[in-house]
C-alpha atoms as a PDB file:
ATOM      1  CA  UNK A   1     117.804  20.337  28.641  1.00  0.00           C
ATOM      2  CA  UNK A   2     114.707  20.219  30.797  1.00  0.00           C
ATOM      3  CA  UNK A   3     111.627  18.768  29.255  1.00  0.00           C
ATOM      4  CA  UNK A   4     108.861  21.204  28.354  1.00  0.00           C
ATOM      5  CA  UNK A   5     105.823  21.169  30.663  1.00  0.00           C
ATOM      6  CA  UNK A   6     102.670  20.211  28.892  1.00  0.00           C
ATOM      7  CA  UNK A   7      99.715  22.632  29.206  1.00  0.00           C
ATOM      8  CA  UNK A   8      96.095  21.506  28.821  1.00  0.00           C
ATOM      9  CA  UNK A   9      93.962  23.846  26.770  1.00  0.00           C
ATOM     10  CA  UNK A  10      90.271  23.966  27.739  1.00  0.00           C
ATOM     11  CA  UNK A  11      88.140  25.696  25.199  1.00  0.00           C
ATOM     12  CA  UNK A  12      85.350  27.890  26.549  1.00  0.00           C
ATOM     13  CA  UNK A  13      86.618  27.523  30.081  1.00  0.00           C
ATOM     14  CA  UNK A  14      88.006  29.967  32.604  1.00  0.00           C
ATOM     15  CA  UNK A  15      88.881  30.035  36.261  1.00  0.00           C
ATOM     16  CA  UNK A  16      85.741  32.043  36.852  1.00  0.00           C
ATOM     17  CA  UNK A  17      83.575  29.462  34.990  1.00  0.00           C
ATOM     18  CA  UNK A  18      85.096  26.702  37.031  1.00  0.00           C
ATOM     19  CA  UNK A  19      84.493  28.502  40.264  1.00  0.00           C
ATOM     20  CA  UNK A  20      80.963  29.161  39.228  1.00  0.00           C
ATOM     21  CA  UNK A  21      80.360  25.546  38.415  1.00  0.00           C
ATOM     22  CA  UNK A  22      81.863  24.485  41.708  1.00  0.00           C
ATOM     23  CA  UNK A  23      79.602  26.802  43.645  1.00  0.00           C
ATOM     24  CA  UNK A  24      76.420  25.684  41.815  1.00  0.00           C
ATOM     25  CA  UNK A  25      76.902  22.105  40.815  1.00  0.00           C
ATOM     26  CA  UNK A  26      79.448  20.876  43.347  1.00  0.00           C
ATOM     27  CA  UNK A  27      82.130  20.077  40.753  1.00  0.00           C
ATOM     28  CA  UNK A  28      85.578  20.111  42.401  1.00  0.00           C
ATOM     29  CA  UNK A  29      87.758  18.929  39.502  1.00  0.00           C
ATOM     30  CA  UNK A  30      88.343  20.567  36.183  1.00  0.00           C
ATOM     31  CA  UNK A  31      88.391  17.221  34.456  1.00  0.00           C
ATOM     32  CA  UNK A  32      84.927  16.273  35.691  1.00  0.00           C
ATOM     33  CA  UNK A  33      81.870  17.287  33.714  1.00  0.00           C
ATOM     34  CA  UNK A  34      78.450  17.615  35.378  1.00  0.00           C
ATOM     35  CA  UNK A  35      76.050  14.849  34.164  1.00  0.00           C
ATOM     36  CA  UNK A  36      72.524  15.405  32.986  1.00  0.00           C
ATOM     37  CA  UNK A  37      70.055  12.494  32.884  1.00  0.00           C
ATOM     38  CA  UNK A  38      67.813  13.215  29.874  1.00  0.00           C
ATOM     39  CA  UNK A  39      65.486  10.362  30.957  1.00  0.00           C
ATOM     40  CA  UNK A  40      64.357  11.893  34.215  1.00  0.00           C
ATOM     41  CA  UNK A  41      60.737  12.860  34.322  1.00  0.00           C
ATOM     42  CA  UNK A  42      60.197  16.386  35.519  1.00  0.00           C
ATOM     43  CA  UNK A  43      58.522  16.447  38.924  1.00  0.00           C
ATOM     44  CA  UNK A  44      55.099  18.008  39.231  1.00  0.00           C
ATOM     45  CA  UNK A  45      53.907  19.739  42.376  1.00  0.00           C
ATOM     46  CA  UNK A  46      51.251  17.702  44.089  1.00  0.00           C
ATOM     47  CA  UNK A  47      49.845  20.734  45.922  1.00  0.00           C
ATOM     48  CA  UNK A  48      48.128  22.020  42.855  1.00  0.00           C
ATOM     49  CA  UNK A  49      46.653  18.585  42.047  1.00  0.00           C
ATOM     50  CA  UNK A  50      45.320  18.220  45.547  1.00  0.00           C
ATOM     51  CA  UNK A  51      43.805  21.662  45.304  1.00  0.00           C
ATOM     52  CA  UNK A  52      42.063  20.766  42.037  1.00  0.00           C
ATOM     53  CA  UNK A  53      40.740  17.581  43.542  1.00  0.00           C
ATOM     54  CA  UNK A  54      39.049  19.214  46.457  1.00  0.00           C
ATOM     55  CA  UNK A  55      35.853  20.231  44.584  1.00  0.00           C
ATOM     56  CA  UNK A  56      35.472  16.743  43.159  1.00  0.00           C
ATOM     57  CA  UNK A  57      35.985  15.163  46.539  1.00  0.00           C
ATOM     58  CA  UNK A  58      33.446  17.558  48.091  1.00  0.00           C
ATOM     59  CA  UNK A  59      30.853  16.693  45.402  1.00  0.00           C
ATOM     60  CA  UNK A  60      31.391  12.935  45.897  1.00  0.00           C
ATOM     61  CA  UNK A  61      31.038  13.385  49.628  1.00  0.00           C
ATOM     62  CA  UNK A  62      27.778  15.289  49.299  1.00  0.00           C
ATOM     63  CA  UNK A  63      26.346  12.739  46.835  1.00  0.00           C
ATOM     64  CA  UNK A  64      27.235   9.842  49.195  1.00  0.00           C
ATOM     65  CA  UNK A  65      25.712  11.579  52.181  1.00  0.00           C
ATOM     66  CA  UNK A  66      22.452  12.332  50.332  1.00  0.00           C
ATOM     67  CA  UNK A  67      22.260   8.707  49.081  1.00  0.00           C
ATOM     68  CA  UNK A  68      22.843   7.399  52.626  1.00  0.00           C
ATOM     69  CA  UNK A  69      20.091   9.647  54.012  1.00  0.00           C
ATOM     70  CA  UNK A  70      17.649   8.607  51.318  1.00  0.00           C
ATOM     71  CA  UNK A  71      18.379   4.959  51.913  1.00  0.00           C
ATOM     72  CA  UNK A  72      17.881   5.416  55.652  1.00  0.00           C
ATOM     73  CA  UNK A  73      14.569   7.205  55.071  1.00  0.00           C
ATOM     74  CA  UNK A  74      13.397   4.374  52.791  1.00  0.00           C
ATOM     75  CA  UNK A  75      13.279   2.057  55.831  1.00  0.00           C
ATOM     76  CA  UNK A  76      10.567   4.254  57.357  1.00  0.00           C
ATOM     77  CA  UNK A  77       8.783   5.706  54.292  1.00  0.00           C
ATOM     78  CA  UNK A  78       6.664   4.799  52.434  1.00  0.00           C
ATOM     79  CA  UNK A  79       4.855   3.100  55.295  1.00  0.00           C
ATOM     80  CA  UNK A  80       3.750  -0.495  54.726  1.00  0.00           C
ATOM     81  CA  UNK A  81       1.471  -2.552  56.904  1.00  0.00           C
ATOM     82  CA  UNK A  82       1.291  -6.343  57.240  1.00  0.00           C
ATOM     83  CA  UNK A  83      -2.042  -7.283  55.764  1.00  0.00           C
ATOM     84  CA  UNK A  84      -2.374 -11.016  54.856  1.00  0.00           C
ATOM     85  CA  UNK A  85      -0.547 -14.295  54.487  1.00  0.00           C
ATOM     86  CA  UNK A  86      -1.941 -17.163  52.324  1.00  0.00           C
ATOM     87  CA  UNK A  87      -0.153 -20.536  52.215  1.00  0.00           C
ATOM     88  CA  UNK A  88      -0.092 -22.633  49.054  1.00  0.00           C
ATOM     89  CA  UNK A  89      -2.110 -25.854  48.932  1.00  0.00           C
ATOM     90  CA  UNK A  90       1.011 -27.974  49.363  1.00  0.00           C
ATOM     91  CA  UNK A  91       2.267 -25.688  52.202  1.00  0.00           C
ATOM     92  CA  UNK A  92       5.606 -25.061  50.320  1.00  0.00           C
ATOM     93  CA  UNK A  93       4.986 -21.372  49.634  1.00  0.00           C
ATOM     94  CA  UNK A  94       3.363 -18.372  51.132  1.00  0.00           C
ATOM     95  CA  UNK A  95       1.766 -15.276  49.609  1.00  0.00           C
ATOM     96  CA  UNK A  96       2.275 -12.220  51.800  1.00  0.00           C
ATOM     97  CA  UNK A  97       0.430  -8.932  51.190  1.00  0.00           C
ATOM     98  CA  UNK A  98       1.699  -5.504  52.335  1.00  0.00           C
ATOM     99  CA  UNK A  99      -0.569  -2.522  52.163  1.00  0.00           C
ATOM    100  CA  UNK A 100       1.068   0.851  51.528  1.00  0.00           C
ATOM    101  CA  UNK A 101       0.244   4.461  52.266  1.00  0.00           C
ATOM    102  CA  UNK A 102      -2.504   6.299  50.443  1.00  0.00           C
ATOM    103  CA  UNK A 103      -1.379   8.002  47.189  1.00  0.00           C
ATOM    104  CA  UNK A 104      -2.834  11.015  45.424  1.00  0.00           C
ATOM    105  CA  UNK A 105      -4.992   8.991  43.077  1.00  0.00           C
ATOM    106  CA  UNK A 106      -5.821   5.833  45.075  1.00  0.00           C
ATOM    107  CA  UNK A 107      -6.735   4.836  48.684  1.00  0.00           C
ATOM    108  CA  UNK A 108      -3.901   2.300  49.134  1.00  0.00           C
ATOM    109  CA  UNK A 109      -1.129   0.510  47.241  1.00  0.00           C
ATOM    110  CA  UNK A 110      -0.653  -3.215  47.462  1.00  0.00           C
ATOM    111  CA  UNK A 111       2.376  -5.475  47.111  1.00  0.00           C
ATOM    112  CA  UNK A 112       2.022  -9.230  46.980  1.00  0.00           C
ATOM    113  CA  UNK A 113       5.118 -11.353  47.647  1.00  0.00           C
ATOM    114  CA  UNK A 114       5.751 -15.003  47.037  1.00  0.00           C
ATOM    115  CA  UNK A 115       8.087 -16.776  49.521  1.00  0.00           C
ATOM    116  CA  UNK A 116       9.314 -20.303  49.780  1.00  0.00           C
ATOM    117  CA  UNK A 117       8.164 -21.492  53.192  1.00  0.00           C
ATOM    118  CA  UNK A 118      11.655 -21.449  54.649  1.00  0.00           C
ATOM    119  CA  UNK A 119      12.178 -17.791  53.608  1.00  0.00           C
ATOM    120  CA  UNK A 120       8.815 -16.389  54.694  1.00  0.00           C
ATOM    121  CA  UNK A 121       9.212 -13.551  57.221  1.00  0.00           C
ATOM    122  CA  UNK A 122       7.838 -14.001  60.698  1.00  0.00           C
ATOM    123  CA  UNK A 123       4.108 -13.345  61.153  1.00  0.00           C
ATOM    124  CA  UNK A 124       2.943  -9.922  62.139  1.00  0.00           C
ATOM    125  CA  UNK A 125      -0.300  -8.732  63.606  1.00  0.00           C
ATOM    126  CA  UNK A 126      -2.633  -7.489  60.903  1.00  0.00           C
ATOM    127  CA  UNK A 127      -2.073  -3.865  59.979  1.00  0.00           C
ATOM    128  CA  UNK A 128       1.123  -3.713  62.052  1.00  0.00           C
ATOM    129  CA  UNK A 129       4.015  -1.655  60.759  1.00  0.00           C
ATOM    130  CA  UNK A 130       6.583  -3.497  58.508  1.00  0.00           C
ATOM    131  CA  UNK A 131      10.052  -1.941  58.180  1.00  0.00           C
ATOM    132  CA  UNK A 132      11.031  -1.823  54.496  1.00  0.00           C
ATOM    133  CA  UNK A 133      14.141  -4.001  54.883  1.00  0.00           C
ATOM    134  CA  UNK A 134      16.038  -5.518  51.937  1.00  0.00           C
ATOM    135  CA  UNK A 135      13.853  -8.670  51.768  1.00  0.00           C
ATOM    136  CA  UNK A 136      10.940  -6.453  50.642  1.00  0.00           C
ATOM    137  CA  UNK A 137      12.991  -4.593  48.033  1.00  0.00           C
ATOM    138  CA  UNK A 138      13.585  -5.560  44.412  1.00  0.00           C
ATOM    139  CA  UNK A 139      11.726  -8.235  42.443  1.00  0.00           C
ATOM    140  CA  UNK A 140      13.101 -11.487  43.895  1.00  0.00           C
ATOM    141  CA  UNK A 141       9.909 -12.254  45.813  1.00  0.00           C
ATOM    142  CA  UNK A 142       7.484  -9.613  44.411  1.00  0.00           C
ATOM    143  CA  UNK A 143       4.593 -10.884  42.364  1.00  0.00           C
ATOM    144  CA  UNK A 144       2.233  -7.954  42.176  1.00  0.00           C
ATOM    145  CA  UNK A 145       2.620  -4.188  42.903  1.00  0.00           C
ATOM    146  CA  UNK A 146      -0.031  -1.659  42.129  1.00  0.00           C
ATOM    147  CA  UNK A 147      -2.916   0.574  43.291  1.00  0.00           C
ATOM    148  CA  UNK A 148      -5.735  -1.634  42.045  1.00  0.00           C
ATOM    149  CA  UNK A 149      -7.403  -3.697  44.768  1.00  0.00           C
ATOM    150  CA  UNK A 150      -6.155  -7.351  44.217  1.00  0.00           C
ATOM    151  CA  UNK A 151      -8.367 -10.236  45.100  1.00  0.00           C
ATOM    152  CA  UNK A 152      -6.427 -13.493  44.715  1.00  0.00           C
ATOM    153  CA  UNK A 153      -6.246 -17.164  45.390  1.00  0.00           C
ATOM    154  CA  UNK A 154      -4.167 -20.244  44.713  1.00  0.00           C
ATOM    155  CA  UNK A 155      -5.767 -22.204  41.845  1.00  0.00           C
ATOM    156  CA  UNK A 156      -3.259 -25.043  42.287  1.00  0.00           C
ATOM    157  CA  UNK A 157       0.040 -25.830  44.056  1.00  0.00           C
ATOM    158  CA  UNK A 158       1.919 -23.752  41.443  1.00  0.00           C
ATOM    159  CA  UNK A 159      -0.718 -21.392  40.059  1.00  0.00           C
ATOM    160  CA  UNK A 160      -2.064 -18.103  41.344  1.00  0.00           C
ATOM    161  CA  UNK A 161      -4.922 -15.997  40.011  1.00  0.00           C
ATOM    162  CA  UNK A 162      -5.249 -12.267  40.778  1.00  0.00           C
ATOM    163  CA  UNK A 163      -8.660 -10.762  40.034  1.00  0.00           C
ATOM    164  CA  UNK A 164      -9.007  -6.982  39.439  1.00  0.00           C
ATOM    165  CA  UNK A 165     -12.662  -6.107  39.436  1.00  0.00           C
ATOM    166  CA  UNK A 166     -12.659  -2.331  39.194  1.00  0.00           C
ATOM    167  CA  UNK A 167     -14.195   0.073  36.695  1.00  0.00           C
ATOM    168  CA  UNK A 168     -10.798   1.692  36.132  1.00  0.00           C
ATOM    169  CA  UNK A 169      -7.569  -0.147  36.662  1.00  0.00           C
ATOM    170  CA  UNK A 170      -4.625   1.726  38.103  1.00  0.00           C
ATOM    171  CA  UNK A 171      -1.063   1.057  36.981  1.00  0.00           C
ATOM    172  CA  UNK A 172       0.438  -2.188  38.326  1.00  0.00           C
ATOM    173  CA  UNK A 173       3.476  -4.478  37.795  1.00  0.00           C
ATOM    174  CA  UNK A 174       3.245  -8.215  37.545  1.00  0.00           C
ATOM    175  CA  UNK A 175       5.868 -10.962  37.789  1.00  0.00           C
ATOM    176  CA  UNK A 176       4.100 -13.800  36.004  1.00  0.00           C
ATOM    177  CA  UNK A 177       6.757 -16.569  36.548  1.00  0.00           C
ATOM    178  CA  UNK A 178       8.742 -17.251  39.685  1.00  0.00           C
ATOM    179  CA  UNK A 179      11.464 -19.789  40.295  1.00  0.00           C
ATOM    180  CA  UNK A 180      13.629 -20.070  43.391  1.00  0.00           C
ATOM    181  CA  UNK A 181      17.110 -21.540  43.560  1.00  0.00           C
ATOM    182  CA  UNK A 182      17.873 -24.582  41.455  1.00  0.00           C
ATOM    183  CA  UNK A 183      14.342 -26.009  41.715  1.00  0.00           C
ATOM    184  CA  UNK A 184      12.537 -26.745  38.446  1.00  0.00           C
ATOM    185  CA  UNK A 185       9.226 -25.689  39.940  1.00  0.00           C
ATOM    186  CA  UNK A 186       7.725 -22.637  38.332  1.00  0.00           C
ATOM    187  CA  UNK A 187       4.997 -20.649  40.044  1.00  0.00           C
ATOM    188  CA  UNK A 188       2.695 -19.060  37.467  1.00  0.00           C
ATOM    189  CA  UNK A 189       0.583 -15.934  38.161  1.00  0.00           C
ATOM    190  CA  UNK A 190      -2.179 -14.638  35.981  1.00  0.00           C
ATOM    191  CA  UNK A 191      -4.461 -11.577  36.127  1.00  0.00           C
ATOM    192  CA  UNK A 192      -8.174 -11.607  35.349  1.00  0.00           C
ATOM    193  CA  UNK A 193      -9.849  -8.284  34.687  1.00  0.00           C
ATOM    194  CA  UNK A 194     -13.407  -7.951  35.793  1.00  0.00           C
ATOM    195  CA  UNK A 195     -13.377 -11.350  37.516  1.00  0.00           C
ATOM    196  CA  UNK A 196     -14.354 -12.224  41.054  1.00  0.00           C
ATOM    197  CA  UNK A 197     -14.432 -15.513  42.913  1.00  0.00           C
ATOM    198  CA  UNK A 198     -15.896 -16.269  46.297  1.00  0.00           C
ATOM    199  CA  UNK A 199     -12.743 -18.208  47.184  1.00  0.00           C
ATOM    200  CA  UNK A 200     -10.476 -15.119  46.716  1.00  0.00           C
ATOM    201  CA  UNK A 201      -8.515 -13.770  49.540  1.00  0.00           C
ATOM    202  CA  UNK A 202      -9.055 -10.066  50.129  1.00  0.00           C
ATOM    203  CA  UNK A 203      -6.472  -7.696  51.585  1.00  0.00           C
END
């Protein structure tokens, strides 16, 4: 008696379903089941992100361009002239005065800088144009900045006096203590209102 042939029963399957799965998923065996990796992260189209980033990139580009133009202009304006250089009694430091353009409420502005001798910029002719390069920016060397006319002098190797002898004092900024590098020397600056001394230097 011939043995009975075993038939496999597949629930929910048909030849049509198998053919469909072969056409779509590439399955070529009824015993194989298409796999699905649940851990895969769905891919996001980068074209939309790039489109959304364009306005931000444009704004950043415009801001950077404006900042660059403003920085470039600052080398030429405001205009400063070389006015005066006064060495310290021990010849270790120099006071340098720059005179700025006229403002709406004063004739000129003045900036007094204190430099160690080795860092002092090269001499200029009086009232010659000075480009506003980084050495003149910030407060590293700046001692006085304002619109009041400053008369000043060294009162010692490490002391400076600035006299403001005007009926009305305009706004000014003062750095009263300066130290450079690792030196323990401190240069002290004081302001005297209504004072005047014949030994004062005058911008």
